[in-house]
Amino acid sequence: MTSREWEPICDLAALEVERGATALVHGQAVAIFRTHDNEVFALGNYDPFAKASVLARGIVGTRGEIPFVASPMHKHAFDLRTGRCLDDDHVQVPSYDVRVVAGVVQVGPRLEVA
C-alpha cells in the first residue's frame, strides 16, 4: 500500500472519546470514532436504514466485546470493526483501515466485506 492511499485526517487528540467525526476520505463521507481505549475506527457515514448520512452522530458503546455505533435515527447498531449491522445480518456499511502515525489519524482503503 502506498502512502498516497493513506489520507491524514486529524490529530488523535482532536477526536473526542466515544464521539464521532465526519471527514471526506477518498471522496467518501466517513465517520471516524475514537473509543475509550484510544482505538480508532472508520465507517461509511451513511445509515442504510434512515437513508441519511448520520452515523457520526450516533452513540458509541459495546455489546460484549464488540465496539459499535448506534445510529441516531433508528438505533441500529453497527460493529465499528467491520461495519456489520448487529441487528440485521443482511446489512453492512463500509469499514476502512485506520492507523495512527506520530499522533495523526490516517484512513486507508475500504476493507473487504467479510
Protein backbone atom coordinates (compact mmCIF):
# COMPACT_ATOMS: atom_id res chain seq x y z
CA MET A 1 0.00 0.00 0.00
CA THR A 2 1.44 3.38 -0.95
CA SER A 3 1.49 6.39 1.32
CA ARG A 4 -0.98 8.12 -1.02
CA GLU A 5 -3.62 5.54 -0.14
CA TRP A 6 -3.43 6.68 3.50
CA GLU A 7 -5.19 10.00 3.96
CA PRO A 8 -4.28 12.07 7.04
CA ILE A 9 -7.45 13.21 8.81
CA CYS A 10 -6.63 14.92 12.11
CA ASP A 11 -4.60 14.66 15.29
CA LEU A 12 -5.77 11.84 17.55
CA ALA A 13 -6.21 14.40 20.34
CA ALA A 14 -8.77 16.26 18.22
CA LEU A 15 -11.17 13.29 18.29
CA GLU A 16 -13.45 13.25 21.30
CA VAL A 17 -13.64 9.92 23.09
CA GLU A 18 -16.85 7.97 22.37
CA ARG A 19 -17.91 10.58 19.78
CA GLY A 20 -17.88 10.54 16.00
CA ALA A 21 -16.47 12.98 13.50
CA THR A 22 -17.04 13.16 9.77
CA ALA A 23 -14.34 13.53 7.14
CA LEU A 24 -14.20 13.33 3.37
CA VAL A 25 -11.87 10.41 2.66
CA HIS A 26 -11.09 9.21 -0.86
CA GLY A 27 -14.20 11.13 -1.99
CA GLN A 28 -16.50 9.40 0.54
CA ALA A 29 -18.13 10.72 3.72
CA VAL A 30 -16.57 8.67 6.51
CA ALA A 31 -17.50 8.57 10.21
CA ILE A 32 -14.44 8.32 12.45
CA PHE A 33 -14.69 7.14 16.05
CA ARG A 34 -12.27 7.07 18.99
CA THR A 35 -13.17 4.63 21.75
CA HIS A 36 -12.39 4.92 25.47
CA ASP A 37 -9.30 2.72 24.99
CA ASN A 38 -7.98 5.01 22.20
CA GLU A 39 -8.77 2.67 19.32
CA VAL A 40 -9.85 4.49 16.18
CA PHE A 41 -12.34 3.16 13.65
CA ALA A 42 -13.79 4.45 10.38
CA LEU A 43 -17.12 3.53 8.81
CA GLY A 44 -19.15 4.91 5.95
CA ASN A 45 -21.30 7.71 7.39
CA TYR A 46 -24.46 6.67 5.50
CA ASP A 47 -27.12 4.85 7.55
CA PRO A 48 -28.91 2.49 5.14
CA PHE A 49 -32.00 2.28 7.37
CA ALA A 50 -32.51 6.04 7.79
CA LYS A 51 -31.22 6.74 4.27
CA ALA A 52 -29.18 9.65 5.69
CA SER A 53 -25.55 10.45 6.45
CA VAL A 54 -25.80 10.39 10.24
CA LEU A 55 -23.65 7.60 11.72
CA ALA A 56 -21.00 10.03 13.02
CA ARG A 57 -23.69 11.46 15.31
CA GLY A 58 -24.52 8.03 16.77
CA ILE A 59 -23.97 6.65 20.25
CA VAL A 60 -20.77 4.63 20.77
CA GLY A 61 -20.85 1.62 23.08
CA THR A 62 -20.06 -2.08 23.36
CA ARG A 63 -22.04 -5.31 23.19
CA GLY A 64 -19.92 -7.84 24.97
CA GLU A 65 -16.54 -7.37 23.28
CA ILE A 66 -17.94 -5.69 20.15
CA PRO A 67 -17.46 -1.93 19.84
CA PHE A 68 -20.40 -0.38 17.98
CA VAL A 69 -22.13 2.82 16.99
CA ALA A 70 -25.92 3.06 17.21
CA SER A 71 -27.50 5.23 14.55
CA PRO A 72 -29.15 8.34 15.99
CA MET A 73 -32.18 7.80 13.73
CA HIS A 74 -33.40 4.23 14.23
CA LYS A 75 -30.80 2.95 16.76
CA HIS A 76 -29.47 0.12 14.59
CA ALA A 77 -26.02 -0.86 15.89
CA PHE A 78 -23.03 -1.23 13.55
CA ASP A 79 -19.82 -3.04 14.52
CA LEU A 80 -17.04 -0.43 14.43
CA ARG A 81 -14.52 -3.07 13.29
CA THR A 82 -16.43 -4.47 10.31
CA GLY A 83 -19.45 -2.25 9.62
CA ARG A 84 -21.77 -5.25 10.08
CA CYS A 85 -25.19 -4.40 11.49
CA LEU A 86 -25.63 -6.18 14.81
CA ASP A 87 -29.42 -6.04 14.46
CA ASP A 88 -29.74 -7.29 10.86
CA ASP A 89 -27.12 -9.73 9.49
CA HIS A 90 -28.02 -8.78 5.91
CA VAL A 91 -26.88 -5.16 6.27
CA GLN A 92 -23.36 -3.76 6.41
CA VAL A 93 -21.82 -0.32 5.96
CA PRO A 94 -18.31 0.17 4.55
CA SER A 95 -15.41 0.00 7.00
CA TYR A 96 -11.97 1.46 6.41
CA ASP A 97 -8.46 0.66 7.54
CA VAL A 98 -7.23 3.15 10.17
CA ARG A 99 -3.85 3.83 11.72
CA VAL A 100 -2.31 6.49 13.93
CA VAL A 101 1.16 7.67 12.92
CA ALA A 102 3.01 10.23 15.05
CA GLY A 103 -0.32 11.18 16.65
CA VAL A 104 -2.12 11.71 13.32
CA VAL A 105 -5.15 9.61 12.39
CA GLN A 106 -4.88 8.23 8.86
CA VAL A 107 -7.60 6.42 6.95
CA GLY A 108 -6.65 3.89 4.34
CA PRO A 109 -8.60 1.85 1.84
CA ARG A 110 -12.01 0.34 2.31
CA LEU A 111 -11.80 -3.08 3.94
CA GLU A 112 -13.13 -6.15 2.16
CA VAL A 113 -16.63 -7.28 3.06
CA ALA A 114 -16.48 -10.21 5.46
